[in-house]
């Protein structure tokens, strides 16, 4: 399927998916600047809370300006991102 662009989705927990190609950064929510980003996103109506009431462990900033909260660790999200790329490369080799 050369020439066709596939949308790669990354599981961010609880069956929620985000488009891998639209992620700018995946960070921990601990620092004051990140807390400000979360509050600004909440105020502007672009915050997506995908934690299902659990503690926020990762903050995902999208190229659309949306900010997504996830209950899984940033490293876990990043590993899923990398694994998704590796699986795609294997499929292209077949």
N, C-alpha and C. Protein backbone atom coordinates (compact mmCIF):
# COMPACT_ATOMS: atom_id res chain seq x y z
N UNK A 1 0.83 -1.18 0.00
CA UNK A 1 0.00 0.00 0.00
C UNK A 1 0.88 1.24 0.00
N UNK A 2 1.83 1.26 -0.89
CA UNK A 2 2.70 2.42 -0.98
C UNK A 2 1.89 3.62 -1.47
N UNK A 3 2.26 4.77 -0.94
CA UNK A 3 1.58 5.99 -1.34
C UNK A 3 0.39 6.31 -0.46
N UNK A 4 -0.18 5.30 0.18
CA UNK A 4 -1.30 5.56 1.09
C UNK A 4 -0.76 5.85 2.47
N UNK A 5 -1.21 6.93 3.03
CA UNK A 5 -0.75 7.32 4.36
C UNK A 5 -1.70 6.76 5.41
N UNK A 6 -1.13 6.00 6.34
CA UNK A 6 -1.93 5.44 7.41
C UNK A 6 -1.81 6.31 8.64
N UNK A 7 -2.91 6.44 9.36
CA UNK A 7 -2.87 7.16 10.61
C UNK A 7 -2.46 6.18 11.71
N UNK A 8 -1.32 6.47 12.35
CA UNK A 8 -0.84 5.62 13.42
C UNK A 8 -1.46 6.10 14.73
N UNK A 9 -2.06 5.18 15.48
CA UNK A 9 -2.69 5.52 16.75
C UNK A 9 -1.89 4.93 17.89
N UNK A 10 -1.79 5.69 18.97
CA UNK A 10 -1.08 5.25 20.16
C UNK A 10 -2.09 5.14 21.30
N UNK A 11 -2.06 4.01 21.99
CA UNK A 11 -2.94 3.79 23.14
C UNK A 11 -2.40 4.59 24.32
N UNK A 12 -3.23 5.49 24.87
CA UNK A 12 -2.80 6.30 26.02
C UNK A 12 -3.49 5.86 27.31
N UNK A 13 -4.07 4.68 27.27
CA UNK A 13 -4.69 4.11 28.46
C UNK A 13 -6.20 4.04 28.34
N UNK A 14 -6.78 3.00 28.94
CA UNK A 14 -8.22 2.78 28.98
C UNK A 14 -8.85 2.73 27.59
N UNK A 15 -8.08 2.25 26.61
CA UNK A 15 -8.60 2.13 25.26
C UNK A 15 -8.65 3.43 24.48
N UNK A 16 -8.13 4.51 25.05
CA UNK A 16 -8.10 5.79 24.35
C UNK A 16 -6.89 5.86 23.44
N UNK A 17 -7.09 6.44 22.27
CA UNK A 17 -6.03 6.51 21.27
C UNK A 17 -5.82 7.94 20.83
N UNK A 18 -4.56 8.26 20.48
CA UNK A 18 -4.25 9.55 19.88
C UNK A 18 -3.44 9.30 18.62
N UNK A 19 -3.49 10.25 17.73
CA UNK A 19 -2.75 10.15 16.47
C UNK A 19 -1.27 10.40 16.73
N UNK A 20 -0.45 9.41 16.43
CA UNK A 20 0.99 9.49 16.71
C UNK A 20 1.64 10.64 15.96
N UNK A 21 1.22 10.89 14.75
CA UNK A 21 1.82 11.93 13.94
C UNK A 21 1.51 13.34 14.38
N UNK A 22 0.58 13.50 15.31
CA UNK A 22 0.16 14.83 15.76
C UNK A 22 0.72 15.18 17.12
N UNK A 23 1.45 14.24 17.74
CA UNK A 23 2.02 14.49 19.08
C UNK A 23 3.26 15.37 18.95
N UNK A 24 3.30 16.42 19.76
CA UNK A 24 4.48 17.28 19.82
C UNK A 24 5.38 16.81 20.96
N UNK A 25 4.80 16.59 22.13
CA UNK A 25 5.60 16.17 23.28
C UNK A 25 4.77 15.37 24.26
N UNK A 26 5.46 14.55 25.04
CA UNK A 26 4.85 13.77 26.12
C UNK A 26 5.68 14.07 27.36
N UNK A 27 5.07 14.72 28.36
CA UNK A 27 5.82 15.16 29.53
C UNK A 27 5.11 14.79 30.82
N UNK A 28 5.86 14.87 31.91
CA UNK A 28 5.33 14.66 33.25
C UNK A 28 4.61 15.93 33.71
N UNK A 29 3.56 15.81 34.49
CA UNK A 29 2.78 16.98 34.90
C UNK A 29 3.32 17.71 36.14
N UNK A 30 4.49 17.35 36.61
CA UNK A 30 4.96 17.82 37.91
C UNK A 30 5.41 19.28 37.97
N UNK A 31 5.97 19.82 36.89
CA UNK A 31 6.55 21.16 36.97
C UNK A 31 5.49 22.26 36.86
N UNK A 32 5.83 23.41 37.40
CA UNK A 32 4.92 24.56 37.36
C UNK A 32 4.57 24.99 35.93
N UNK A 33 5.55 25.03 35.00
CA UNK A 33 5.18 25.42 33.63
C UNK A 33 4.18 24.46 32.98
N UNK A 34 4.31 23.17 33.25
CA UNK A 34 3.37 22.20 32.68
C UNK A 34 2.00 22.37 33.33
N UNK A 35 1.98 22.64 34.63
CA UNK A 35 0.70 22.90 35.31
C UNK A 35 0.01 24.12 34.72
N UNK A 36 0.80 25.14 34.34
CA UNK A 36 0.23 26.33 33.68
C UNK A 36 -0.33 25.97 32.31
N UNK A 37 0.39 25.12 31.56
CA UNK A 37 -0.10 24.68 30.25
C UNK A 37 -1.44 23.97 30.40
N UNK A 38 -1.54 23.11 31.42
CA UNK A 38 -2.80 22.38 31.67
C UNK A 38 -3.92 23.36 32.00
N UNK A 39 -3.66 24.33 32.88
CA UNK A 39 -4.69 25.30 33.26
C UNK A 39 -5.10 26.16 32.08
N UNK A 40 -4.12 26.59 31.27
CA UNK A 40 -4.44 27.39 30.08
C UNK A 40 -5.31 26.59 29.11
N UNK A 41 -4.97 25.31 28.93
CA UNK A 41 -5.77 24.45 28.04
C UNK A 41 -7.19 24.30 28.58
N UNK A 42 -7.31 24.14 29.90
CA UNK A 42 -8.63 24.01 30.54
C UNK A 42 -9.43 25.30 30.29
N UNK A 43 -8.79 26.45 30.50
CA UNK A 43 -9.46 27.74 30.32
C UNK A 43 -9.89 27.97 28.88
N UNK A 44 -9.10 27.47 27.93
CA UNK A 44 -9.37 27.67 26.50
C UNK A 44 -10.23 26.57 25.88
N UNK A 45 -10.60 25.57 26.67
CA UNK A 45 -11.47 24.51 26.17
C UNK A 45 -10.79 23.50 25.28
N UNK A 46 -9.46 23.37 25.41
CA UNK A 46 -8.73 22.41 24.58
C UNK A 46 -8.07 21.30 25.41
N UNK A 47 -8.51 21.15 26.65
CA UNK A 47 -7.99 20.08 27.51
C UNK A 47 -8.85 18.84 27.36
N UNK A 48 -8.20 17.70 27.15
CA UNK A 48 -8.90 16.42 27.06
C UNK A 48 -8.38 15.56 28.20
N UNK A 49 -9.26 15.23 29.13
CA UNK A 49 -8.89 14.43 30.29
C UNK A 49 -9.22 12.97 30.02
N UNK A 50 -8.18 12.16 29.79
CA UNK A 50 -8.37 10.73 29.51
C UNK A 50 -7.88 9.89 30.68
N UNK A 51 -7.94 10.46 31.89
CA UNK A 51 -7.44 9.75 33.08
C UNK A 51 -8.49 8.89 33.76
N UNK A 52 -9.75 9.09 33.41
CA UNK A 52 -10.85 8.36 34.06
C UNK A 52 -10.81 8.51 35.58
N UNK A 53 -10.49 9.72 36.04
CA UNK A 53 -10.50 10.02 37.46
C UNK A 53 -9.24 9.61 38.20
N UNK A 54 -8.30 9.05 37.50
CA UNK A 54 -7.05 8.65 38.15
C UNK A 54 -6.04 9.79 38.10
N UNK A 55 -4.94 9.60 38.79
CA UNK A 55 -3.89 10.61 38.84
C UNK A 55 -3.27 10.81 37.46
N UNK A 56 -3.06 12.07 37.09
CA UNK A 56 -2.42 12.38 35.81
C UNK A 56 -0.93 12.06 35.90
N UNK A 57 -0.45 11.23 35.00
CA UNK A 57 0.96 10.87 34.99
C UNK A 57 1.67 11.35 33.74
N UNK A 58 0.90 11.61 32.66
CA UNK A 58 1.51 12.10 31.42
C UNK A 58 0.63 13.20 30.84
N UNK A 59 1.29 14.20 30.29
CA UNK A 59 0.61 15.29 29.60
C UNK A 59 1.10 15.24 28.15
N UNK A 60 0.15 15.11 27.23
CA UNK A 60 0.48 14.99 25.82
C UNK A 60 0.02 16.27 25.12
N UNK A 61 0.96 16.95 24.49
CA UNK A 61 0.64 18.18 23.77
C UNK A 61 0.59 17.84 22.28
N UNK A 62 -0.53 18.21 21.66
CA UNK A 62 -0.75 17.90 20.26
C UNK A 62 -0.48 19.13 19.38
N UNK A 63 -0.23 18.89 18.10
CA UNK A 63 0.05 20.00 17.20
C UNK A 63 -1.16 20.89 16.95
N UNK A 64 -2.33 20.44 17.34
CA UNK A 64 -3.56 21.22 17.21
C UNK A 64 -3.75 22.20 18.36
N UNK A 65 -2.86 22.09 19.37
CA UNK A 65 -2.99 22.92 20.56
C UNK A 65 -3.73 22.22 21.68
N UNK A 66 -4.30 21.06 21.40
CA UNK A 66 -4.98 20.29 22.45
C UNK A 66 -3.95 19.72 23.42
N UNK A 67 -4.38 19.61 24.66
CA UNK A 67 -3.55 19.02 25.71
C UNK A 67 -4.34 17.84 26.27
N UNK A 68 -3.70 16.68 26.29
CA UNK A 68 -4.37 15.46 26.72
C UNK A 68 -3.71 14.95 27.99
N UNK A 69 -4.54 14.63 28.98
CA UNK A 69 -4.04 14.07 30.24
C UNK A 69 -4.23 12.56 30.21
N UNK A 70 -3.18 11.84 30.61
CA UNK A 70 -3.22 10.38 30.63
C UNK A 70 -2.78 9.88 32.00
N UNK A 71 -3.33 8.74 32.40
CA UNK A 71 -2.99 8.15 33.69
C UNK A 71 -1.82 7.18 33.60
N UNK A 72 -1.20 7.06 32.42
CA UNK A 72 -0.04 6.19 32.32
C UNK A 72 1.23 7.03 32.21
N UNK A 73 2.35 6.44 32.56
CA UNK A 73 3.63 7.15 32.61
C UNK A 73 4.06 7.63 31.22
N UNK A 74 4.74 8.80 31.15
CA UNK A 74 5.23 9.28 29.85
C UNK A 74 6.11 8.25 29.14
N UNK A 75 6.93 7.52 29.90
CA UNK A 75 7.81 6.51 29.30
C UNK A 75 7.01 5.40 28.64
N UNK A 76 5.89 5.04 29.25
CA UNK A 76 5.04 3.98 28.70
C UNK A 76 4.44 4.44 27.38
N UNK A 77 3.94 5.68 27.36
CA UNK A 77 3.38 6.23 26.12
C UNK A 77 4.47 6.28 25.04
N UNK A 78 5.65 6.75 25.41
CA UNK A 78 6.76 6.85 24.46
C UNK A 78 7.15 5.48 23.93
N UNK A 79 7.19 4.47 24.81
CA UNK A 79 7.53 3.11 24.38
C UNK A 79 6.50 2.59 23.39
N UNK A 80 5.24 2.87 23.62
CA UNK A 80 4.20 2.44 22.69
C UNK A 80 4.37 3.14 21.35
N UNK A 81 4.79 4.39 21.40
CA UNK A 81 5.05 5.17 20.20
C UNK A 81 6.16 4.51 19.39
N UNK A 82 7.26 4.15 20.05
CA UNK A 82 8.41 3.51 19.39
C UNK A 82 8.03 2.12 18.88
N UNK A 83 7.32 1.34 19.70
CA UNK A 83 6.93 -0.01 19.28
C UNK A 83 6.04 0.04 18.05
N UNK A 84 5.16 1.04 17.98
CA UNK A 84 4.27 1.20 16.84
C UNK A 84 5.09 1.44 15.57
N UNK A 85 6.13 2.28 15.66
CA UNK A 85 7.01 2.54 14.52
C UNK A 85 7.75 1.28 14.09
N UNK A 86 8.25 0.52 15.07
CA UNK A 86 8.99 -0.70 14.76
C UNK A 86 8.10 -1.72 14.09
N UNK A 87 6.85 -1.85 14.56
CA UNK A 87 5.91 -2.80 13.95
C UNK A 87 5.61 -2.40 12.51
N UNK A 88 5.50 -1.10 12.27
CA UNK A 88 5.21 -0.65 10.91
C UNK A 88 6.38 -0.96 9.98
N UNK A 89 7.60 -0.76 10.46
CA UNK A 89 8.78 -1.06 9.65
C UNK A 89 8.84 -2.54 9.30
N UNK A 90 8.49 -3.40 10.28
CA UNK A 90 8.47 -4.84 10.01
C UNK A 90 7.43 -5.19 8.96
N UNK A 91 6.28 -4.54 9.03
CA UNK A 91 5.22 -4.81 8.06
C UNK A 91 5.62 -4.36 6.67
N UNK A 92 6.39 -3.26 6.58
CA UNK A 92 6.84 -2.78 5.27
C UNK A 92 7.86 -3.75 4.66
N UNK A 93 8.63 -4.44 5.49
CA UNK A 93 9.64 -5.37 5.00
C UNK A 93 9.05 -6.64 4.42
N UNK A 94 7.82 -6.96 4.81
CA UNK A 94 7.20 -8.22 4.37
C UNK A 94 6.75 -8.14 2.94
